[in-house]
Protein backbone atom coordinates (compact mmCIF):
# COMPACT_ATOMS: atom_id res chain seq x y z
CA MET A 1 80.98 86.53 83.40
CA SER A 2 83.73 88.90 84.91
CA THR A 3 85.57 86.40 88.00
CA LEU A 4 87.75 89.84 88.36
CA ASN A 5 86.98 90.82 92.07
CA LEU A 6 87.66 94.55 92.25
CA PRO A 7 90.17 95.97 94.49
CA SER A 8 88.68 98.44 96.86
CA PRO A 9 90.98 100.70 96.73
CA GLY A 10 92.56 99.96 93.77
CA VAL A 11 94.06 100.43 90.15
CA ILE A 12 93.57 98.24 87.65
CA PHE A 13 95.79 98.10 84.26
CA TRP A 14 94.05 95.76 81.81
CA PRO A 15 96.14 93.67 78.85
CA VAL A 16 94.08 96.16 75.64
CA GLY A 17 97.32 95.68 73.26
CA CYS A 18 98.90 98.99 72.36
CA GLY A 19 96.99 101.36 74.24
CA ASP A 20 95.88 102.55 77.71
CA SER A 21 92.79 101.53 79.95
CA THR A 22 93.31 101.95 83.64
CA THR A 23 90.44 101.57 86.30
CA VAL A 24 90.57 103.45 89.27
CA VAL A 25 88.29 102.00 92.06
CA VAL A 26 87.51 103.92 94.57
CA ASP A 27 85.10 101.52 96.13
CA GLU A 28 82.67 99.41 94.35
CA GLN A 29 79.96 101.94 93.76
CA THR A 30 82.88 104.64 92.60
CA ILE A 31 84.32 103.78 89.85
CA VAL A 32 86.57 105.80 87.13
CA GLN A 33 87.89 104.93 84.15
CA ILE A 34 90.23 106.39 82.60
CA ASP A 35 91.62 106.18 78.67
CA LEU A 36 89.60 102.87 76.90
CA HIS A 37 91.03 100.76 74.07
CA HIS A 38 88.84 98.19 73.00
CA VAL A 39 89.47 96.01 70.28
CA GLU A 40 87.01 94.29 68.32
CA ASP A 41 88.95 91.00 68.06
CA SER A 42 89.04 90.74 71.37
CA GLU A 43 86.26 89.51 71.59
CA ALA A 44 87.36 86.57 69.95
CA GLU A 45 87.89 83.32 72.43
CA ASP A 46 91.62 82.93 70.78
CA ASP A 47 92.41 86.63 71.20
CA PRO A 48 94.86 87.55 74.44
CA ARG A 49 93.72 90.99 74.76
CA THR A 50 90.71 92.07 77.40
CA PRO A 51 87.13 93.22 75.58
CA ILE A 52 87.51 96.14 78.45
CA VAL A 53 83.78 97.04 77.78
CA ASP A 54 82.34 93.77 77.92
CA GLU A 55 84.54 93.52 80.95
CA LEU A 56 83.58 97.03 82.93
CA ILE A 57 79.68 96.35 82.12
CA GLU A 58 80.13 93.08 84.32
CA LEU A 59 82.11 94.72 87.24
CA LEU A 60 80.34 98.18 86.99
CA PRO A 61 77.82 98.84 89.65
CA LEU A 62 73.46 99.08 88.61
CA VAL A 63 72.36 102.18 89.29
CA ASP A 64 67.98 102.59 88.55
CA GLY A 65 68.74 99.34 86.31
CA ASN A 66 72.00 100.86 84.22
CA PRO A 67 75.90 100.23 85.04
CA TYR A 68 77.28 102.96 86.20
CA LEU A 69 80.48 104.44 85.86
CA ALA A 70 81.44 107.38 88.25
CA ALA A 71 83.39 108.98 85.89
CA PHE A 72 85.06 108.30 82.68
CA GLY A 73 88.68 110.70 81.97
CA ALA A 74 90.13 110.75 78.21
CA THR A 75 94.14 112.35 78.47
CA HIS A 76 94.09 112.66 75.00
CA LEU A 77 91.86 111.60 71.78
CA ASP A 78 94.03 109.08 70.16
CA ARG A 79 92.47 106.12 68.92
CA ASP A 80 94.15 104.05 71.65
CA HIS A 81 92.86 105.82 74.14
CA ILE A 82 89.50 106.47 73.28
CA GLN A 83 88.36 103.59 71.40
CA GLY A 84 85.09 101.88 72.51
CA PHE A 85 83.77 105.14 74.39
CA ALA A 86 80.60 105.12 71.68
CA GLU A 87 80.00 101.63 72.44
CA LEU A 88 79.75 102.32 76.36
CA LEU A 89 77.18 105.32 75.55
CA ASP A 90 75.26 102.65 73.37
CA ARG A 91 74.90 99.92 75.57
CA ASP A 92 72.95 102.67 78.15
CA VAL A 93 76.41 103.21 80.61
CA VAL A 94 75.51 106.07 82.55
CA ILE A 95 78.93 107.93 82.68
CA GLY A 96 78.70 110.51 86.18
CA GLU A 97 81.00 113.20 84.94
CA LEU A 98 83.37 113.30 82.33
CA TRP A 99 86.82 114.59 82.63
CA PHE A 100 88.78 115.90 79.58
CA THR A 101 91.35 118.73 78.63
CA PRO A 102 89.90 122.01 76.57
CA ARG A 103 91.80 121.09 73.88
CA ILE A 104 89.24 118.26 72.65
CA LEU A 105 87.03 121.10 71.68
CA TRP A 106 88.02 122.65 69.52
CA GLU A 107 90.95 120.25 67.70
CA LEU A 108 88.67 120.06 64.56
CA GLU A 109 87.39 123.56 64.72
CA ASP A 110 91.36 124.31 64.23
CA ASP A 111 92.05 122.10 61.61
CA PRO A 112 89.07 120.05 59.83
CA ASP A 113 91.79 117.48 57.97
CA VAL A 114 93.11 116.38 61.70
CA GLU A 115 92.23 112.39 62.15
CA LEU A 116 89.45 112.14 65.01
CA SER A 117 88.37 108.58 65.33
CA GLU A 118 84.82 107.82 65.61
CA ASP A 119 84.76 107.44 69.30
CA ALA A 120 86.67 110.99 69.62
CA GLN A 121 83.94 112.54 67.93
CA ALA A 122 81.26 110.39 70.14
CA PHE A 123 83.66 111.88 72.67
CA VAL A 124 83.08 115.52 71.86
CA VAL A 125 79.94 115.54 71.01
CA GLU A 126 78.89 114.37 74.01
CA ALA A 127 80.91 116.99 76.02
CA GLU A 128 79.59 119.99 74.10
CA ARG A 129 76.16 118.18 74.94
CA ARG A 130 76.93 118.49 78.80
CA ILE A 131 78.37 121.71 78.28
CA GLU A 132 75.45 122.92 76.33
CA LEU A 133 73.49 121.75 79.71
CA VAL A 134 75.47 123.59 81.91
CA LYS A 135 74.83 126.92 80.23
CA ALA A 136 71.09 126.08 79.81
CA GLU A 137 69.94 124.41 83.39
CA GLY A 138 73.33 125.57 85.68
CA ALA A 139 73.49 122.76 88.53
CA ILE A 140 73.87 119.82 86.82
CA ALA A 141 72.87 116.19 88.26
CA SER A 142 75.05 113.02 87.69
CA GLY A 143 75.22 111.69 83.68
CA ASN A 144 75.72 115.42 83.14
CA ARG A 145 78.81 116.66 84.78
CA ILE A 146 82.09 117.73 83.79
CA ARG A 147 85.17 118.46 84.94
CA ILE A 148 87.62 119.89 82.45
CA ILE A 149 91.59 119.70 83.11
CA GLY A 150 93.33 123.02 82.15
CA SER A 151 93.27 127.04 81.82
CA PRO A 152 90.15 128.28 82.60
CA ASP A 153 91.78 131.16 80.57
CA ALA A 154 92.38 129.00 77.59
CA LEU A 155 89.11 127.66 77.70
CA ARG A 156 87.07 131.00 77.94
CA ALA A 157 88.49 132.60 75.35
CA ARG A 158 88.04 130.62 72.32
CA ARG A 159 83.91 130.33 72.70
CA GLU A 160 81.16 132.41 74.49
CA ILE A 161 79.24 129.32 75.18
CA TYR A 162 82.77 128.35 77.82
CA GLN A 163 82.21 131.49 79.57
CA HIS A 164 79.30 129.95 81.54
CA VAL A 165 81.47 126.87 82.39
CA PRO A 166 81.51 127.12 86.21
CA ASP A 167 84.65 127.48 88.21
CA GLU A 168 83.91 124.30 90.16
CA ALA A 169 84.03 122.48 86.90
CA ILE A 170 87.22 123.02 85.79
CA THR A 171 90.61 122.34 87.61
CA VAL A 172 93.71 124.03 86.89
CA PRO A 173 97.13 121.99 86.68
CA GLY A 174 99.22 122.39 89.99
CA THR A 175 95.62 121.93 92.21
CA ALA A 176 94.24 118.98 93.24
CA PHE A 177 90.38 117.57 93.23
CA ALA A 178 88.79 114.99 95.10
CA HIS A 179 85.05 115.12 93.86
CA ILE A 180 83.79 112.61 91.93
CA ASP A 181 80.31 112.68 90.58
CA GLY A 182 79.73 115.41 92.82
CA GLU A 183 80.68 113.23 95.81
CA ASP A 184 83.33 114.03 98.52
CA GLU A 185 85.84 111.48 98.22
CA SER A 186 88.55 112.58 100.11
CA GLU A 187 88.81 109.84 102.62
CA ARG A 188 89.74 108.08 99.78
CA PHE A 189 90.61 109.40 96.85
CA SER A 190 92.68 112.32 95.08
CA ALA A 191 93.90 113.33 92.70
CA PHE A 192 96.89 116.09 91.59
CA VAL A 193 96.89 117.27 88.39
CA HIS A 194 100.25 118.01 86.63
CA ALA A 195 99.25 118.76 83.05
CA PRO A 196 98.73 120.39 80.93
CA PHE A 197 100.47 123.43 81.26
CA LYS A 198 98.66 126.49 80.29
CA ASP A 199 101.19 126.76 76.95
CA ASP A 200 100.86 123.76 75.70
CA THR A 201 96.90 123.81 75.07
CA GLU A 202 97.46 124.31 71.59
CA GLY A 203 100.22 122.00 71.06
CA GLU A 204 100.11 118.68 69.30
CA ARG A 205 97.53 116.12 70.55
CA ASN A 206 99.94 113.88 72.66
CA ASP A 207 101.83 116.91 74.55
CA THR A 208 98.35 118.21 75.61
CA SER A 209 97.68 114.87 77.71
CA PHE A 210 96.49 115.40 81.27
CA ALA A 211 98.80 113.80 83.86
CA PHE A 212 98.07 113.59 87.53
CA GLN A 213 98.69 111.29 90.43
CA VAL A 214 96.44 109.46 92.27
CA THR A 215 96.31 109.23 95.83
CA LEU A 216 94.46 105.88 97.05
CA THR A 217 93.59 105.93 100.56
CA ASP A 218 92.44 102.85 103.10
CA GLY A 219 92.20 104.00 106.85
CA GLU A 220 95.91 105.36 107.38
CA ALA A 221 97.72 103.09 104.60
CA SER A 222 97.29 105.13 101.07
CA GLY A 223 99.13 104.06 97.82
CA ARG A 224 99.92 106.23 94.56
CA ALA A 225 100.19 105.99 90.98
CA LEU A 226 101.21 108.18 88.09
CA LEU A 227 99.27 108.51 84.87
CA PHE A 228 100.98 110.46 82.17
CA GLY A 229 98.89 109.98 79.06
CA ASP A 230 101.80 110.06 75.99
CA LEU A 231 103.43 112.75 77.44
CA SER A 232 107.48 113.25 76.13
CA TYR A 233 110.57 114.38 77.81
CA PRO A 234 109.77 118.26 78.06
CA THR A 235 106.32 118.29 79.45
CA ILE A 236 107.77 116.12 82.19
CA ARG A 237 110.64 117.68 82.68
CA ARG A 238 108.87 120.91 83.18
CA ILE A 239 106.53 118.78 85.26
CA PHE A 240 108.98 117.99 87.79
CA ASP A 241 110.57 121.04 87.93
CA ARG A 242 107.74 122.60 89.02
CA SER A 243 106.25 120.23 91.34
CA GLU A 244 106.47 119.48 94.72
CA ALA A 245 108.23 116.47 95.87
CA GLU A 246 105.16 115.00 97.79
CA THR A 247 103.59 115.33 94.64
CA LEU A 248 105.15 113.10 92.24
CA ALA A 249 105.65 110.44 94.74
CA TRP A 250 104.99 107.15 93.13
CA ASP A 251 104.23 103.25 94.08
CA VAL A 252 103.05 102.68 90.57
CA PHE A 253 104.15 104.79 87.17
CA LEU A 254 102.46 104.04 83.97
CA ALA A 255 104.97 104.44 81.83
CA PRO A 256 104.04 107.46 79.21
CA HIS A 257 103.08 106.60 75.99
CA HIS A 258 103.19 102.56 76.13
CA CYS A 259 106.81 102.81 76.96
CA SER A 260 108.06 105.19 74.67
CA LYS A 261 111.60 106.17 74.65
CA SER A 262 110.90 109.48 74.19
CA VAL A 263 110.31 109.94 77.77
CA MET A 264 114.22 109.28 78.37
CA TYR A 265 115.26 109.51 74.63
CA PHE A 266 114.26 112.95 73.21
CA GLU A 267 116.63 114.73 71.13
CA ASP A 268 116.80 118.46 70.64
CA GLU A 269 119.62 121.42 70.45
CA THR A 270 121.73 120.15 73.81
CA GLN A 271 121.36 116.78 73.16
CA SER A 272 121.14 114.12 70.90
CA ALA A 273 118.34 111.11 70.58
CA ASP A 274 121.28 108.27 71.78
CA THR A 275 122.07 109.14 74.91
CA PRO A 276 119.66 109.26 77.67
CA ARG A 277 117.96 112.19 79.72
CA GLN A 278 119.66 110.98 82.93
CA ASP A 279 118.16 113.79 84.95
CA ILE A 280 114.44 112.30 84.16
CA LEU A 281 115.56 108.67 85.35
CA ASP A 282 116.83 110.49 88.13
CA ASP A 283 113.75 112.28 89.19
CA LEU A 284 111.60 109.31 88.47
CA GLU A 285 113.71 107.40 91.20
CA ALA A 286 113.73 109.63 93.53
CA ALA A 287 110.05 109.71 93.74
CA LYS A 288 109.67 106.05 93.67
CA HIS A 289 108.49 104.55 96.81
CA ASP A 290 109.76 101.78 98.35
CA ALA A 291 109.09 98.53 96.15
CA GLY A 292 107.57 100.33 93.51
CA HIS A 293 106.41 98.78 90.07
CA VAL A 294 106.57 100.69 86.38
CA VAL A 295 103.39 98.83 84.18
CA ALA A 296 104.03 99.32 80.35
CA SER A 297 100.68 99.22 79.13
CA SER A 298 101.35 97.57 75.40
CA ILE A 299 102.26 95.17 73.48
CA ALA A 300 104.93 92.68 74.15
CA ILE A 301 108.81 94.49 74.80
CA PRO A 302 110.84 93.55 71.64
CA ALA A 303 113.97 92.05 72.13
CA GLN A 304 115.39 95.02 70.21
CA ASP A 305 114.10 97.86 68.67
CA THR A 306 114.14 98.37 65.08
CA LYS A 307 114.29 101.66 62.95
CA ASN A 308 111.01 103.99 63.41
CA ALA A 309 108.93 101.86 65.07
CA ASN A 310 106.53 102.39 67.65
CA PRO A 311 106.10 101.59 71.00
CA PRO A 312 107.40 99.66 73.29
CA HIS A 313 110.82 100.44 72.99
CA ALA A 314 112.91 98.12 74.44
CA LYS A 315 115.11 100.74 75.69
CA ALA A 316 112.78 102.95 77.09
CA ALA A 317 112.18 99.26 78.97
CA ALA A 318 115.99 98.52 79.95
CA ARG A 319 115.70 101.85 81.61
CA TYR A 320 112.39 101.22 83.81
CA ARG A 321 113.97 98.03 84.33
CA GLU A 322 116.94 99.67 86.41
CA LEU A 323 114.30 102.37 88.17
CA VAL A 324 112.91 99.42 89.90
CA ASP A 325 113.29 95.53 91.90
CA ASP A 326 113.64 92.68 89.21
CA GLY A 327 110.47 91.65 88.21
CA HIS A 328 108.84 95.01 88.83
CA PHE A 329 108.70 96.18 85.60
CA LEU A 330 105.25 94.87 84.22
CA CYS A 331 103.77 94.71 80.65
CA THR A 332 100.34 94.57 79.91
CA ALA A 333 100.51 91.94 77.54
CA GLU A 334 103.14 89.66 78.88
CA HIS A 335 101.70 89.34 82.45
CA PRO A 336 101.71 86.51 83.74
CA THR A 337 102.18 84.69 80.56
CA GLU A 338 102.25 86.09 77.21
CA ASP A 339 100.14 83.39 75.98
CA SER A 340 97.53 84.29 78.95
CA PRO A 341 97.45 87.83 80.11
CA GLU A 342 95.48 88.49 82.97
CA PRO A 343 94.89 92.49 84.34
CA ILE A 344 97.71 93.63 86.82
CA VAL A 345 95.83 94.86 90.21
CA PHE A 346 97.38 96.79 92.75
CA GLU A 347 95.63 97.10 95.67
CA VAL A 348 95.51 98.67 99.19
CA ASP A 349 95.64 96.28 101.84
CA GLY A 350 96.64 96.21 105.25
CA ASP A 351 99.62 99.29 105.45
CA ALA A 352 100.22 98.83 102.22
CA LEU A 353 99.59 98.98 98.41
CA VAL A 354 99.92 95.64 97.15
CA LEU A 355 100.60 93.92 93.99
CA ARG A 356 97.50 90.98 93.49
CA ALA A 357 98.65 87.86 92.50
CA PRO A 358 97.66 85.98 89.17
CA GLU A 359 94.56 83.87 89.45
CA GLY A 360 97.21 81.04 88.28
CA LYS A 361 95.68 80.80 84.79
CA ALA A 362 97.92 81.80 82.67
CA ALA A 363 100.40 79.05 84.11
CA ALA A 364 99.29 75.85 82.58
CA ARG A 365 98.75 77.69 79.09
CA SER A 366 102.70 79.00 79.00
CA SER A 367 104.29 77.24 76.57
CA PRO A 368 108.13 76.41 75.95
CA LEU A 369 108.53 78.82 73.35
CA SER A 370 106.98 81.85 75.32
CA GLU A 371 108.70 81.05 78.69
CA ALA A 372 112.11 81.22 75.93
CA VAL A 373 110.62 85.14 74.84
CA ARG A 374 110.52 85.92 77.86
CA THR A 375 114.10 84.75 79.02
CA ALA A 376 115.38 86.69 75.94
CA ARG A 377 113.57 89.76 76.59
CA GLY A 378 115.38 89.44 80.16
CA ALA A 379 111.65 89.97 81.80
CA ALA A 380 111.36 88.01 85.61
CA ALA A 381 109.13 85.48 86.61
CA PRO A 382 106.23 86.95 88.06
CA ALA A 383 106.34 86.96 91.96
CA ALA A 384 103.90 84.40 92.98
CA HIS A 385 103.06 86.23 96.50
CA PRO A 386 101.46 89.76 96.36
CA VAL A 387 104.71 92.58 97.00
CA GLY A 388 103.98 94.98 99.75
CA PHE A 389 104.54 98.51 98.42
CA GLY A 390 106.20 99.62 102.07
CA ARG A 391 106.86 103.26 103.43
CA ALA A 392 109.92 101.90 105.99
């Protein structure tokens, strides 16, 4: 049984290995899951990763006897962002609304050899089922709703069935929305969508990730998180070039692609991959509110990078640490210790969005070896008390 107290409102980043599982809590009845990475081994007692599907089901409210998830958003369909989705359906979780990009609807159609996991295929089938209902019935109830994030032109040019998707079910990048599963949540929630751009609709899967700024409000206090999926430097550069500063402000920045160096080390005809892209680092720092945090949803940060290694990358972590105060770069696999990671929880509290202190259970399990590893990586000790995100 889950012992986690939900923030209300707030954001939770789960220790699920190298993958994304972000829970946005608007209130106890309105919970949104962005991406999912449920690893079967995480169900073992000695595995430090969270069995996220089990945890979610414990935390979700019940509606007519079934766990109710107001919305599920898949930034894209890589396995480490969608694993466990079929199990959610198998365990009778009612998902009020699905959020996805147009790209997922024709990925297999364009390339039958493309790799789509069973969970990704289950997501596509569920999305298509809901679109068929829109065509057949028009008005759609909770449990069958969709929000397509992308270009309506790109969507409707593909197949006749997509002509029937109503405008209110499509969110164009460069705009915001505040409805979740048909309910106006504007007093507590809004999301400004940055990507995918129209000309990225046919691109590589990572480059078609939807990216947005989430704002959570409690009275007069607000907190903001930037979630950019697996985007890399070129698309993030375009986002900063095209967007107003207010829509890029962040208290919490989820490091794209599990702390990949592709955000700030990117080779093209103008620059080699050995030199950091200072422009994007400067823009990220300028958009950061006081005491901002960067979160890497990944395995532990390595002491140094090896050639052709997958994320997380030590070079990227080093740059992110330079953007924030000491101890404000957090890795889901290391918070508060690598032996026993706990969810990283941010919540709106008083006049600030705060990082909730770990419950302390992990500290007792910390070993001298794990502490030595943390020291070698340059990781700061976790804060003993919540850290405010003031805007003074």
